[in-house]
C-alpha atoms as a PDB file:
ATOM      1  CA  MET A   1       0.000   0.000   0.000  1.00  0.00           C
ATOM      2  CA  SER A   2       1.425   3.396  -0.958  1.00  0.00           C
ATOM      3  CA  ILE A   3       2.104   6.012   1.706  1.00  0.00           C
ATOM      4  CA  GLN A   4      -0.016   9.155   1.589  1.00  0.00           C
ATOM      5  CA  LYS A   5       2.605  11.849   1.090  1.00  0.00           C
ATOM      6  CA  GLN A   6       2.422  15.080   3.061  1.00  0.00           C
ATOM      7  CA  ASP A   7       3.603  18.431   1.723  1.00  0.00           C
ATOM      8  CA  ILE A   8       6.809  18.859   3.710  1.00  0.00           C
ATOM      9  CA  ARG A   9       6.593  22.653   3.547  1.00  0.00           C
ATOM     10  CA  LYS A  10       3.524  22.498   5.770  1.00  0.00           C
ATOM     11  CA  LEU A  11       5.705  21.187   8.594  1.00  0.00           C
ATOM     12  CA  ASN A  12       7.658  23.395  10.946  1.00  0.00           C
ATOM     13  CA  LEU A  13      11.290  22.789  11.894  1.00  0.00           C
ATOM     14  CA  GLN A  14      10.433  20.863  15.043  1.00  0.00           C
ATOM     15  CA  GLN A  15       8.083  18.519  13.165  1.00  0.00           C
ATOM     16  CA  ILE A  16      10.760  17.782  10.562  1.00  0.00           C
ATOM     17  CA  GLN A  17      13.283  17.131  13.324  1.00  0.00           C
ATOM     18  CA  ASP A  18      10.902  14.778  15.139  1.00  0.00           C
ATOM     19  CA  PHE A  19      10.393  12.789  11.932  1.00  0.00           C
ATOM     20  CA  ILE A  20      14.052  12.322  11.065  1.00  0.00           C
ATOM     21  CA  VAL A  21      15.093  11.484  14.644  1.00  0.00           C
ATOM     22  CA  GLN A  22      12.336   8.850  14.767  1.00  0.00           C
ATOM     23  CA  ASN A  23      13.872   7.425  11.613  1.00  0.00           C
ATOM     24  CA  GLY A  24      17.385   7.195  13.026  1.00  0.00           C
ATOM     25  CA  GLU A  25      18.869  10.405  11.591  1.00  0.00           C
ATOM     26  CA  LYS A  26      20.765  13.115  13.474  1.00  0.00           C
ATOM     27  CA  ALA A  27      18.667  16.071  14.663  1.00  0.00           C
ATOM     28  CA  PHE A  28      20.869  18.674  12.945  1.00  0.00           C
ATOM     29  CA  ARG A  29      19.775  17.304   9.559  1.00  0.00           C
ATOM     30  CA  ALA A  30      16.397  18.973  10.096  1.00  0.00           C
ATOM     31  CA  LYS A  31      18.021  22.393   9.910  1.00  0.00           C
ATOM     32  CA  GLN A  32      19.706  21.433   6.661  1.00  0.00           C
ATOM     33  CA  ILE A  33      16.389  20.313   5.193  1.00  0.00           C
ATOM     34  CA  TYR A  34      14.714  23.499   6.379  1.00  0.00           C
ATOM     35  CA  GLU A  35      17.463  25.580   4.762  1.00  0.00           C
ATOM     36  CA  TRP A  36      16.976  23.779   1.447  1.00  0.00           C
ATOM     37  CA  LEU A  37      13.223  24.373   1.595  1.00  0.00           C
ATOM     38  CA  TRP A  38      13.041  28.000   2.711  1.00  0.00           C
ATOM     39  CA  SER A  39      16.377  29.627   1.914  1.00  0.00           C
ATOM     40  CA  LYS A  40      17.567  27.741  -1.168  1.00  0.00           C
ATOM     41  CA  ASN A  41      13.996  27.210  -2.437  1.00  0.00           C
ATOM     42  CA  ALA A  42      14.620  23.583  -3.422  1.00  0.00           C
ATOM     43  CA  HIS A  43      11.833  22.043  -5.474  1.00  0.00           C
ATOM     44  CA  SER A  44      12.929  18.411  -5.161  1.00  0.00           C
ATOM     45  CA  PHE A  45      14.626  16.283  -2.531  1.00  0.00           C
ATOM     46  CA  GLN A  46      17.302  15.273  -5.019  1.00  0.00           C
ATOM     47  CA  GLU A  47      18.527  18.890  -5.059  1.00  0.00           C
ATOM     48  CA  MET A  48      19.441  18.571  -1.359  1.00  0.00           C
ATOM     49  CA  SER A  49      23.042  17.591  -2.035  1.00  0.00           C
ATOM     50  CA  SER A  50      24.233  18.007   1.570  1.00  0.00           C
ATOM     51  CA  LEU A  51      21.968  15.112   2.631  1.00  0.00           C
ATOM     52  CA  SER A  52      22.820  11.451   2.219  1.00  0.00           C
ATOM     53  CA  LYS A  53      21.118   9.489  -0.557  1.00  0.00           C
ATOM     54  CA  ASP A  54      19.360   7.388   2.092  1.00  0.00           C
ATOM     55  CA  LEU A  55      17.887  10.449   3.788  1.00  0.00           C
ATOM     56  CA  ARG A  56      16.798  11.923   0.470  1.00  0.00           C
ATOM     57  CA  SER A  57      15.116   8.631  -0.389  1.00  0.00           C
ATOM     58  CA  LEU A  58      13.391   8.538   3.007  1.00  0.00           C
ATOM     59  CA  LEU A  59      12.013  12.027   2.462  1.00  0.00           C
ATOM     60  CA  GLU A  60      10.928  11.091  -1.061  1.00  0.00           C
ATOM     61  CA  VAL A  61       8.915   8.163   0.268  1.00  0.00           C
ATOM     62  CA  HIS A  62       7.063  10.122   2.962  1.00  0.00           C
ATOM     63  CA  PHE A  63       6.793  13.685   1.667  1.00  0.00           C
ATOM     64  CA  SER A  64       6.155  15.775  -1.415  1.00  0.00           C
ATOM     65  CA  ILE A  65       7.189  19.262  -2.456  1.00  0.00           C
ATOM     66  CA  GLN A  66       4.526  21.119  -4.426  1.00  0.00           C
ATOM     67  CA  PRO A  67       6.374  23.896  -6.231  1.00  0.00           C
ATOM     68  CA  ILE A  68       4.906  26.475  -8.524  1.00  0.00           C
ATOM     69  CA  ARG A  69       5.954  26.404 -12.165  1.00  0.00           C
ATOM     70  CA  VAL A  70       5.921  29.056 -14.838  1.00  0.00           C
ATOM     71  CA  GLU A  71       3.389  28.064 -17.470  1.00  0.00           C
ATOM     72  CA  GLU A  72       3.977  31.183 -19.527  1.00  0.00           C
ATOM     73  CA  HIS A  73       5.987  34.348 -19.158  1.00  0.00           C
ATOM     74  CA  GLN A  74       5.728  37.562 -21.125  1.00  0.00           C
ATOM     75  CA  LYS A  75       8.044  40.542 -21.243  1.00  0.00           C
ATOM     76  CA  SER A  76       6.653  44.017 -21.804  1.00  0.00           C
ATOM     77  CA  ASN A  77       8.181  46.718 -23.978  1.00  0.00           C
ATOM     78  CA  ASP A  78       9.059  48.528 -20.727  1.00  0.00           C
ATOM     79  CA  GLY A  79      10.840  45.492 -19.263  1.00  0.00           C
ATOM     80  CA  THR A  80       8.034  44.332 -16.980  1.00  0.00           C
ATOM     81  CA  ILE A  81       7.751  40.534 -16.783  1.00  0.00           C
ATOM     82  CA  LYS A  82       4.443  38.763 -16.159  1.00  0.00           C
ATOM     83  CA  ASN A  83       4.426  35.129 -15.075  1.00  0.00           C
ATOM     84  CA  ALA A  84       1.454  32.814 -15.433  1.00  0.00           C
ATOM     85  CA  ILE A  85       2.067  30.473 -12.505  1.00  0.00           C
ATOM     86  CA  LYS A  86       0.567  26.994 -12.501  1.00  0.00           C
ATOM     87  CA  LEU A  87      -0.027  25.503  -9.044  1.00  0.00           C
ATOM     88  CA  PHE A  88       0.023  21.829  -8.062  1.00  0.00           C
ATOM     89  CA  ASP A  89      -3.761  21.533  -8.587  1.00  0.00           C
ATOM     90  CA  ASP A  90      -3.658  23.193 -12.040  1.00  0.00           C
ATOM     91  CA  ASN A  91      -5.040  26.488 -10.803  1.00  0.00           C
ATOM     92  CA  VAL A  92      -3.244  29.497 -12.280  1.00  0.00           C
ATOM     93  CA  VAL A  93      -2.245  32.827 -10.742  1.00  0.00           C
ATOM     94  CA  GLU A  94      -0.126  35.673 -12.046  1.00  0.00           C
ATOM     95  CA  SER A  95       2.845  37.500 -10.589  1.00  0.00           C
ATOM     96  CA  VAL A  96       4.814  40.412 -11.986  1.00  0.00           C
ATOM     97  CA  LEU A  97       8.399  41.694 -11.933  1.00  0.00           C
ATOM     98  CA  ILE A  98       8.544  45.481 -12.273  1.00  0.00           C
ATOM     99  CA  PRO A  99      12.014  46.926 -12.991  1.00  0.00           C
ATOM    100  CA  THR A 100      13.275  50.492 -12.656  1.00  0.00           C
ATOM    101  CA  ASP A 101      16.792  51.888 -13.097  1.00  0.00           C
ATOM    102  CA  SER A 102      17.717  51.222  -9.476  1.00  0.00           C
ATOM    103  CA  ARG A 103      15.482  48.435  -8.186  1.00  0.00           C
ATOM    104  CA  THR A 104      13.084  45.633  -9.007  1.00  0.00           C
ATOM    105  CA  THR A 105       9.710  44.963  -7.399  1.00  0.00           C
ATOM    106  CA  ALA A 106       7.752  41.712  -7.166  1.00  0.00           C
ATOM    107  CA  CYS A 107       3.974  41.980  -7.282  1.00  0.00           C
ATOM    108  CA  VAL A 108       2.728  38.701  -5.817  1.00  0.00           C
ATOM    109  CA  SER A 109      -0.677  37.057  -5.630  1.00  0.00           C
ATOM    110  CA  SER A 110      -2.228  35.733  -2.441  1.00  0.00           C
ATOM    111  CA  GLN A 111      -5.410  34.028  -3.721  1.00  0.00           C
ATOM    112  CA  VAL A 112      -6.594  32.190  -6.813  1.00  0.00           C
ATOM    113  CA  GLY A 113      -9.135  34.729  -8.032  1.00  0.00           C
ATOM    114  CA  CYS A 114     -10.750  37.147  -5.606  1.00  0.00           C
ATOM    115  CA  SER A 115     -13.809  37.187  -3.362  1.00  0.00           C
ATOM    116  CA  LEU A 116     -14.256  40.971  -3.546  1.00  0.00           C
ATOM    117  CA  ASN A 117     -16.235  42.736  -6.257  1.00  0.00           C
ATOM    118  CA  CYS A 118     -14.443  45.938  -7.210  1.00  0.00           C
ATOM    119  CA  ASP A 119     -16.026  46.931 -10.529  1.00  0.00           C
ATOM    120  CA  PHE A 120     -12.840  48.346 -12.019  1.00  0.00           C
ATOM    121  CA  CYS A 121     -10.583  45.327 -11.421  1.00  0.00           C
ATOM    122  CA  ALA A 122     -10.206  42.411 -13.823  1.00  0.00           C
ATOM    123  CA  THR A 123      -9.232  39.995 -11.051  1.00  0.00           C
ATOM    124  CA  ALA A 124     -12.551  40.663  -9.324  1.00  0.00           C
ATOM    125  CA  LYS A 125     -14.320  39.123 -12.322  1.00  0.00           C
ATOM    126  CA  LEU A 126     -12.793  35.760 -11.390  1.00  0.00           C
ATOM    127  CA  ASP A 127     -14.243  33.452  -8.768  1.00  0.00           C
ATOM    128  CA  ARG A 128     -12.103  32.928  -5.709  1.00  0.00           C
ATOM    129  CA  MET A 129     -11.034  29.307  -5.897  1.00  0.00           C
ATOM    130  CA  ARG A 130      -8.787  29.098  -2.845  1.00  0.00           C
ATOM    131  CA  ASN A 131      -6.099  30.769  -0.804  1.00  0.00           C
ATOM    132  CA  LEU A 132      -2.466  30.330  -1.762  1.00  0.00           C
ATOM    133  CA  THR A 133      -0.283  28.429   0.674  1.00  0.00           C
ATOM    134  CA  VAL A 134       2.711  29.958   2.423  1.00  0.00           C
ATOM    135  CA  ALA A 135       5.038  28.059   0.097  1.00  0.00           C
ATOM    136  CA  GLU A 136       3.205  29.208  -3.051  1.00  0.00           C
ATOM    137  CA  ILE A 137       3.609  32.843  -2.007  1.00  0.00           C
ATOM    138  CA  VAL A 138       7.277  32.428  -1.068  1.00  0.00           C
ATOM    139  CA  ASP A 139       7.922  30.582  -4.338  1.00  0.00           C
ATOM    140  CA  GLN A 140       6.702  33.608  -6.304  1.00  0.00           C
ATOM    141  CA  VAL A 141       9.195  35.835  -4.501  1.00  0.00           C
ATOM    142  CA  ALA A 142      12.076  33.378  -5.022  1.00  0.00           C
ATOM    143  CA  LEU A 143      11.151  33.026  -8.697  1.00  0.00           C
ATOM    144  CA  ILE A 144      11.095  36.775  -9.307  1.00  0.00           C
ATOM    145  CA  ASP A 145      14.366  37.196  -7.417  1.00  0.00           C
ATOM    146  CA  ARG A 146      15.961  34.726  -9.840  1.00  0.00           C
ATOM    147  CA  GLN A 147      14.437  36.543 -12.815  1.00  0.00           C
ATOM    148  CA  SER A 148      15.658  39.881 -11.483  1.00  0.00           C
ATOM    149  CA  LYS A 149      19.227  38.597 -11.178  1.00  0.00           C
ATOM    150  CA  LYS A 150      19.131  36.910 -14.592  1.00  0.00           C
ATOM    151  CA  ASP A 151      17.447  39.710 -16.594  1.00  0.00           C
ATOM    152  CA  TYR A 152      18.603  42.820 -14.713  1.00  0.00           C
ATOM    153  CA  GLY A 153      21.712  41.779 -12.827  1.00  0.00           C
ATOM    154  CA  ILE A 154      20.370  42.829  -9.422  1.00  0.00           C
ATOM    155  CA  PRO A 155      18.550  40.972  -6.640  1.00  0.00           C
ATOM    156  CA  LEU A 156      14.907  41.652  -5.958  1.00  0.00           C
ATOM    157  CA  SER A 157      14.595  44.724  -3.742  1.00  0.00           C
ATOM    158  CA  ASN A 158      10.875  45.253  -3.072  1.00  0.00           C
ATOM    159  CA  ILE A 159       7.733  43.144  -2.671  1.00  0.00           C
ATOM    160  CA  VAL A 160       4.118  44.251  -2.892  1.00  0.00           C
ATOM    161  CA  TYR A 161       1.179  42.025  -2.039  1.00  0.00           C
ATOM    162  CA  MET A 162      -0.901  43.632  -4.790  1.00  0.00           C
ATOM    163  CA  GLY A 163      -1.441  40.734  -7.179  1.00  0.00           C
ATOM    164  CA  MET A 164      -4.513  38.543  -7.410  1.00  0.00           C
ATOM    165  CA  GLY A 165      -6.698  38.342  -4.310  1.00  0.00           C
ATOM    166  CA  GLU A 166      -7.181  40.249  -1.063  1.00  0.00           C
ATOM    167  CA  PRO A 167      -4.173  39.513   1.184  1.00  0.00           C
ATOM    168  CA  LEU A 168      -6.037  40.100   4.430  1.00  0.00           C
ATOM    169  CA  LEU A 169      -8.574  37.406   3.489  1.00  0.00           C
ATOM    170  CA  ASN A 170      -5.689  34.923   3.392  1.00  0.00           C
ATOM    171  CA  TYR A 171      -4.358  36.370   6.605  1.00  0.00           C
ATOM    172  CA  ASN A 172      -2.479  33.505   8.265  1.00  0.00           C
ATOM    173  CA  ASN A 173      -0.667  32.386   5.128  1.00  0.00           C
ATOM    174  CA  VAL A 174       0.251  35.943   4.127  1.00  0.00           C
ATOM    175  CA  VAL A 175       1.674  36.710   7.567  1.00  0.00           C
ATOM    176  CA  GLU A 176       3.631  33.449   7.686  1.00  0.00           C
ATOM    177  CA  SER A 177       4.953  34.039   4.157  1.00  0.00           C
ATOM    178  CA  ILE A 178       6.243  37.444   5.275  1.00  0.00           C
ATOM    179  CA  ARG A 179       7.993  35.792   8.202  1.00  0.00           C
ATOM    180  CA  LYS A 180       9.612  33.238   5.866  1.00  0.00           C
ATOM    181  CA  ILE A 181      10.675  35.953   3.396  1.00  0.00           C
ATOM    182  CA  THR A 182      12.174  38.162   6.106  1.00  0.00           C
ATOM    183  CA  THR A 183      13.770  35.472   8.276  1.00  0.00           C
ATOM    184  CA  PRO A 184      17.569  35.729   7.918  1.00  0.00           C
ATOM    185  CA  PHE A 185      19.562  33.023   6.146  1.00  0.00           C
ATOM    186  CA  PRO A 186      19.709  30.073   6.475  1.00  0.00           C
ATOM    187  CA  ASN A 187      16.043  29.656   7.462  1.00  0.00           C
ATOM    188  CA  GLY A 188      14.487  32.236   5.134  1.00  0.00           C
ATOM    189  CA  LEU A 189      15.084  34.530   2.193  1.00  0.00           C
ATOM    190  CA  GLY A 190      16.630  37.268   4.345  1.00  0.00           C
ATOM    191  CA  MET A 191      14.781  40.226   2.814  1.00  0.00           C
ATOM    192  CA  SER A 192      14.070  43.452   4.685  1.00  0.00           C
ATOM    193  CA  PRO A 193      10.491  43.856   5.953  1.00  0.00           C
ATOM    194  CA  ARG A 194      10.783  47.590   5.228  1.00  0.00           C
ATOM    195  CA  ARG A 195      10.805  46.661   1.540  1.00  0.00           C
ATOM    196  CA  ILE A 196       7.458  44.836   1.761  1.00  0.00           C
ATOM    197  CA  THR A 197       4.009  46.417   1.381  1.00  0.00           C
ATOM    198  CA  VAL A 198       0.689  44.696   2.003  1.00  0.00           C
ATOM    199  CA  SER A 199      -2.146  46.222  -0.011  1.00  0.00           C
ATOM    200  CA  THR A 200      -5.733  45.848   1.151  1.00  0.00           C
ATOM    201  CA  SER A 201      -9.124  47.015  -0.024  1.00  0.00           C
ATOM    202  CA  GLY A 202      -9.932  47.791   3.600  1.00  0.00           C
ATOM    203  CA  ILE A 203     -10.903  45.213   6.230  1.00  0.00           C
ATOM    204  CA  PRO A 204     -10.647  47.081   9.542  1.00  0.00           C
ATOM    205  CA  LYS A 205     -10.465  44.106  11.902  1.00  0.00           C
ATOM    206  CA  MET A 206      -7.634  42.544   9.922  1.00  0.00           C
ATOM    207  CA  ILE A 207      -5.713  45.829   9.561  1.00  0.00           C
ATOM    208  CA  LYS A 208      -5.638  46.057  13.351  1.00  0.00           C
ATOM    209  CA  LYS A 209      -4.592  42.434  13.648  1.00  0.00           C
ATOM    210  CA  LEU A 210      -1.766  42.995  11.151  1.00  0.00           C
ATOM    211  CA  ALA A 211      -0.577  46.000  13.158  1.00  0.00           C
ATOM    212  CA  ASP A 212      -0.278  43.768  16.218  1.00  0.00           C
ATOM    213  CA  GLU A 213       2.016  41.305  14.398  1.00  0.00           C
ATOM    214  CA  ASN A 214       4.990  43.704  14.553  1.00  0.00           C
ATOM    215  CA  LEU A 215       6.126  42.646  11.084  1.00  0.00           C
ATOM    216  CA  ARG A 216       7.545  46.125  10.241  1.00  0.00           C
ATOM    217  CA  VAL A 217       6.005  46.029   6.749  1.00  0.00           C
ATOM    218  CA  GLY A 218       4.182  48.836   4.980  1.00  0.00           C
ATOM    219  CA  LEU A 219       0.419  49.107   4.536  1.00  0.00           C
ATOM    220  CA  ALA A 220      -1.417  50.386   1.470  1.00  0.00           C
ATOM    221  CA  LEU A 221      -5.157  51.012   1.283  1.00  0.00           C
ATOM    222  CA  SER A 222      -7.014  50.853  -2.017  1.00  0.00           C
ATOM    223  CA  LEU A 223      -9.270  53.872  -1.391  1.00  0.00           C
ATOM    224  CA  HIS A 224     -10.354  55.521  -4.700  1.00  0.00           C
ATOM    225  CA  SER A 225     -12.996  57.671  -3.022  1.00  0.00           C
ATOM    226  CA  ALA A 226     -13.346  59.233   0.415  1.00  0.00           C
ATOM    227  CA  ILE A 227     -17.081  59.717  -0.203  1.00  0.00           C
ATOM    228  CA  GLU A 228     -18.906  56.726   1.258  1.00  0.00           C
ATOM    229  CA  GLU A 229     -21.647  56.448  -1.380  1.00  0.00           C
ATOM    230  CA  LYS A 230     -19.219  56.643  -4.298  1.00  0.00           C
ATOM    231  CA  ARG A 231     -16.822  54.129  -2.791  1.00  0.00           C
ATOM    232  CA  ASN A 232     -19.664  51.695  -2.207  1.00  0.00           C
ATOM    233  CA  LYS A 233     -20.663  51.924  -5.864  1.00  0.00           C
ATOM    234  CA  ILE A 234     -17.233  51.190  -7.285  1.00  0.00           C
ATOM    235  CA  MET A 235     -16.271  48.753  -4.509  1.00  0.00           C
ATOM    236  CA  PRO A 236     -19.627  47.209  -3.489  1.00  0.00           C
ATOM    237  CA  PHE A 237     -18.212  44.933  -0.781  1.00  0.00           C
ATOM    238  CA  SER A 238     -17.163  48.070   1.148  1.00  0.00           C
ATOM    239  CA  VAL A 239     -20.756  48.550   2.312  1.00  0.00           C
ATOM    240  CA  LYS A 240     -19.729  46.161   5.100  1.00  0.00           C
ATOM    241  CA  PHE A 241     -16.737  48.314   6.037  1.00  0.00           C
ATOM    242  CA  PRO A 242     -17.639  52.013   6.498  1.00  0.00           C
ATOM    243  CA  LEU A 243     -14.916  54.588   6.010  1.00  0.00           C
ATOM    244  CA  GLU A 244     -15.232  55.578   9.662  1.00  0.00           C
ATOM    245  CA  ASP A 245     -14.261  52.041  10.700  1.00  0.00           C
ATOM    246  CA  ILE A 246     -11.450  51.944   8.164  1.00  0.00           C
ATOM    247  CA  MET A 247     -10.087  55.240   9.462  1.00  0.00           C
ATOM    248  CA  GLU A 248     -10.164  53.940  13.020  1.00  0.00           C
ATOM    249  CA  SER A 249      -8.130  50.914  11.920  1.00  0.00           C
ATOM    250  CA  LEU A 250      -5.623  53.125  10.064  1.00  0.00           C
ATOM    251  CA  GLN A 251      -5.185  55.278  13.156  1.00  0.00           C
ATOM    252  CA  TYR A 252      -4.654  52.095  15.180  1.00  0.00           C
ATOM    253  CA  TRP A 253      -2.085  50.953  12.607  1.00  0.00           C
ATOM    254  CA  TYR A 254      -0.155  54.218  12.792  1.00  0.00           C
ATOM    255  CA  ASN A 255      -0.241  54.406  16.589  1.00  0.00           C
ATOM    256  CA  LYS A 256       1.035  50.838  16.782  1.00  0.00           C
ATOM    257  CA  THR A 257       3.641  50.859  14.007  1.00  0.00           C
ATOM    258  CA  LYS A 258       4.491  54.564  13.455  1.00  0.00           C
ATOM    259  CA  SER A 259       4.423  53.662   9.750  1.00  0.00           C
ATOM    260  CA  ARG A 260       2.744  56.105   7.348  1.00  0.00           C
ATOM    261  CA  ILE A 261      -0.048  54.524   5.286  1.00  0.00           C
ATOM    262  CA  THR A 262      -0.095  54.668   1.493  1.00  0.00           C
ATOM    263  CA  LEU A 263      -3.448  55.483  -0.095  1.00  0.00           C
ATOM    264  CA  GLU A 264      -3.911  54.047  -3.575  1.00  0.00           C
ATOM    265  CA  TYR A 265      -6.225  56.219  -5.607  1.00  0.00           C
ATOM    266  CA  ILE A 266      -7.392  56.089  -9.241  1.00  0.00           C
ATOM    267  CA  ILE A 267      -9.158  59.127 -10.714  1.00  0.00           C
ATOM    268  CA  TRP A 268     -11.923  58.295 -13.180  1.00  0.00           C
ATOM    269  CA  LYS A 269     -13.763  60.634 -15.512  1.00  0.00           C
ATOM    270  CA  ASP A 270     -17.254  61.514 -14.220  1.00  0.00           C
ATOM    271  CA  ILE A 271     -16.834  59.311 -11.139  1.00  0.00           C
ATOM    272  CA  ASN A 272     -14.420  60.949  -8.685  1.00  0.00           C
ATOM    273  CA  ASP A 273     -13.078  63.924 -10.631  1.00  0.00           C
ATOM    274  CA  THR A 274     -14.762  66.853  -8.870  1.00  0.00           C
ATOM    275  CA  ASP A 275     -13.641  69.410  -6.302  1.00  0.00           C
ATOM    276  CA  GLU A 276     -15.960  67.673  -3.837  1.00  0.00           C
ATOM    277  CA  ASP A 277     -13.967  64.452  -4.282  1.00  0.00           C
ATOM    278  CA  ILE A 278     -10.694  66.264  -3.693  1.00  0.00           C
ATOM    279  CA  ALA A 279     -12.053  67.975  -0.582  1.00  0.00           C
ATOM    280  CA  ALA A 280     -13.259  64.638   0.826  1.00  0.00           C
ATOM    281  CA  LEU A 281      -9.866  63.040   0.199  1.00  0.00           C
ATOM    282  CA  LEU A 282      -8.074  65.962   1.826  1.00  0.00           C
ATOM    283  CA  LYS A 283     -10.284  65.681   4.904  1.00  0.00           C
ATOM    284  CA  PHE A 284      -9.571  61.940   5.071  1.00  0.00           C
ATOM    285  CA  CYS A 285      -5.813  62.542   4.817  1.00  0.00           C
ATOM    286  CA  LYS A 286      -5.766  64.944   7.745  1.00  0.00           C
ATOM    287  CA  LYS A 287      -6.947  62.281  10.182  1.00  0.00           C
ATOM    288  CA  VAL A 288      -3.853  60.055   9.947  1.00  0.00           C
ATOM    289  CA  PRO A 289      -0.346  60.363   8.428  1.00  0.00           C
ATOM    290  CA  VAL A 290      -0.539  59.173   4.828  1.00  0.00           C
ATOM    291  CA  LYS A 291       1.032  59.525   1.426  1.00  0.00           C
ATOM    292  CA  ILE A 292      -0.977  59.177  -1.771  1.00  0.00           C
ATOM    293  CA  ASN A 293      -0.213  57.196  -4.891  1.00  0.00           C
ATOM    294  CA  LEU A 294      -2.323  58.460  -7.779  1.00  0.00           C
ATOM    295  CA  ILE A 295      -2.462  55.415 -10.037  1.00  0.00           C
ATOM    296  CA  GLU A 296      -2.988  55.516 -13.768  1.00  0.00           C
ATOM    297  CA  TYR A 297      -6.102  53.540 -14.672  1.00  0.00           C
ATOM    298  CA  ASN A 298      -5.687  50.421 -16.763  1.00  0.00           C
ATOM    299  CA  SER A 299      -8.733  49.624 -18.840  1.00  0.00           C
ATOM    300  CA  ILE A 300     -10.395  46.232 -18.516  1.00  0.00           C
ATOM    301  CA  GLY A 301     -12.820  46.972 -21.352  1.00  0.00           C
ATOM    302  CA  ASP A 302     -15.586  48.562 -19.268  1.00  0.00           C
ATOM    303  CA  ASN A 303     -16.430  51.988 -20.698  1.00  0.00           C
ATOM    304  CA  LYS A 304     -17.953  53.017 -17.384  1.00  0.00           C
ATOM    305  CA  PHE A 305     -14.407  53.556 -16.126  1.00  0.00           C
ATOM    306  CA  LEU A 306     -12.300  56.018 -18.108  1.00  0.00           C
ATOM    307  CA  GLN A 307      -9.073  57.714 -17.048  1.00  0.00           C
ATOM    308  CA  ALA A 308      -9.717  61.309 -15.986  1.00  0.00           C
ATOM    309  CA  PRO A 309      -7.949  64.063 -17.973  1.00  0.00           C
ATOM    310  CA  GLU A 310      -4.482  65.110 -16.814  1.00  0.00           C
ATOM    311  CA  SER A 311      -5.878  68.485 -15.761  1.00  0.00           C
ATOM    312  CA  VAL A 312      -7.984  66.732 -13.112  1.00  0.00           C
ATOM    313  CA  THR A 313      -4.964  64.823 -11.842  1.00  0.00           C
ATOM    314  CA  ASN A 314      -3.019  68.077 -11.641  1.00  0.00           C
ATOM    315  CA  ASN A 315      -5.886  69.652  -9.688  1.00  0.00           C
ATOM    316  CA  TYR A 316      -5.689  66.794  -7.165  1.00  0.00           C
ATOM    317  CA  ILE A 317      -1.914  67.155  -6.892  1.00  0.00           C
ATOM    318  CA  ASP A 318      -1.930  70.944  -6.480  1.00  0.00           C
ATOM    319  CA  THR A 319      -4.666  70.909  -3.835  1.00  0.00           C
ATOM    320  CA  LEU A 320      -3.146  68.079  -1.790  1.00  0.00           C
ATOM    321  CA  GLU A 321       0.433  69.347  -1.953  1.00  0.00           C
ATOM    322  CA  ARG A 322      -0.639  72.823  -0.838  1.00  0.00           C
ATOM    323  CA  GLU A 323      -1.852  71.153   2.340  1.00  0.00           C
ATOM    324  CA  GLY A 324       1.432  69.297   2.832  1.00  0.00           C
ATOM    325  CA  ILE A 325       0.233  65.881   1.643  1.00  0.00           C
ATOM    326  CA  ILE A 326       2.845  63.729  -0.124  1.00  0.00           C
ATOM    327  CA  VAL A 327       1.585  62.779  -3.590  1.00  0.00           C
ATOM    328  CA  ASN A 328       3.199  60.448  -6.116  1.00  0.00           C
ATOM    329  CA  VAL A 329       1.871  59.692  -9.599  1.00  0.00           C
ATOM    330  CA  ARG A 330       2.339  56.036 -10.512  1.00  0.00           C
ATOM    331  CA  ARG A 331       2.478  55.424 -14.238  1.00  0.00           C
ATOM    332  CA  SER A 332       1.418  51.924 -15.153  1.00  0.00           C
ATOM    333  CA  ARG A 333       3.965  49.343 -16.225  1.00  0.00           C
ATOM    334  CA  GLY A 334       3.338  46.302 -18.405  1.00  0.00           C
ATOM    335  CA  LYS A 335       0.052  47.460 -19.930  1.00  0.00           C
ATOM    336  CA  ASP A 336       0.873  45.867 -23.288  1.00  0.00           C
ATOM    337  CA  ILE A 337       0.908  42.401 -21.658  1.00  0.00           C
ATOM    338  CA  ASP A 338      -2.004  43.018 -19.243  1.00  0.00           C
ATOM    339  CA  ALA A 339       0.419  43.085 -16.320  1.00  0.00           C
ATOM    340  CA  ALA A 340      -0.552  46.502 -14.956  1.00  0.00           C
ATOM    341  CA  CYS A 341      -2.439  47.165 -11.740  1.00  0.00           C
ATOM    342  CA  GLY A 342      -5.971  45.753 -11.924  1.00  0.00           C
ATOM    343  CA  GLN A 343      -5.353  43.770 -15.119  1.00  0.00           C
ATOM    344  CA  LEU A 344      -4.336  40.388 -13.701  1.00  0.00           C
ATOM    345  CA  ALA A 345      -7.076  38.078 -14.910  1.00  0.00           C
ATOM    346  CA  ASN A 346      -5.484  34.866 -16.235  1.00  0.00           C
ATOM    347  CA  LYS A 347      -6.437  35.666 -19.806  1.00  0.00           C
ATOM    348  CA  ASN A 348      -6.717  32.424 -21.769  1.00  0.00           C
ATOM    349  CA  LYS A 349      -6.138  30.440 -18.579  1.00  0.00           C
ATOM    350  CA  ILE A 350      -8.587  28.243 -16.743  1.00  0.00           C
ATOM    351  CA  ALA A 351      -8.965  28.231 -12.966  1.00  0.00           C
ATOM    352  CA  VAL A 352     -10.064  24.822 -11.777  1.00  0.00           C
ATOM    353  CA  LYS A 353     -12.228  24.565  -8.670  1.00  0.00           C
ATOM    354  CA  VAL A 354     -10.928  21.937  -6.255  1.00  0.00           C
END
């Protein structure tokens, strides 16, 4: 009778140690295995060259490793790379490498599909199939780090949890993936938490919980309107999470972490392009330390959402900066391969419900 194999990356160090000691191996071998899994990102036991053949065979009999694999990868005219990532169950997610002159950023997914219903986002048109595991998230980061070194000659410098899915609805796995990514060698990838940003559409209870984790990462809120009724129309799920509650959670975040929040904000023609919208945003910004990223809109084929004229964007910038608010304009990268913000939708891919 064949042994039912367990995904070894779901075990902690102590559990791996208990297994190998019970099977007559030295305890220190567990640390070597853990290093291969989480620092060297090994995708097979045969890669673990510091282990004996007998130990590798023992692991092969009892455990599996379920790595991600790149089904397709596209490179944009601006250098952005989009990866279609196939998971062990044939579900597909997308992750993106975004290069600049001085750094590279990984945009990673946290769910297959999304359970939210933001009208302007292509990912929201997909059903949420399942949460990604810790290993599947870490694998994306390790993959993009390798791509960054190969294509651009520099290691990955920044990570944003802004890909497919709502990170705070896969809370435990996202938090544990951050711990694995930021744990120093040899037990993790050794990246700085200050270079990681978790983006959320706004779930107050989970924002507070994240603040309590003391992860030292950044927080970004997908806001898009500081007028309750308008926000509820473009992000219908937000009816459950009033702006007053979101603001309370942002204030809690800042008091706990002393980390300024980033507000992500798209300006659409005839939706949030008036002086009233600017005034509401300014009022919102004065309640907690923030900086604003004005994001260029990336069409998903819905004519209801059209990029506002540049004059409107300039009006936002002038008004906010006069009041001392930090404003950055984020031009979209990878639009020609549907890799820009809000465009990740597994075009021509099939997500399989399991």
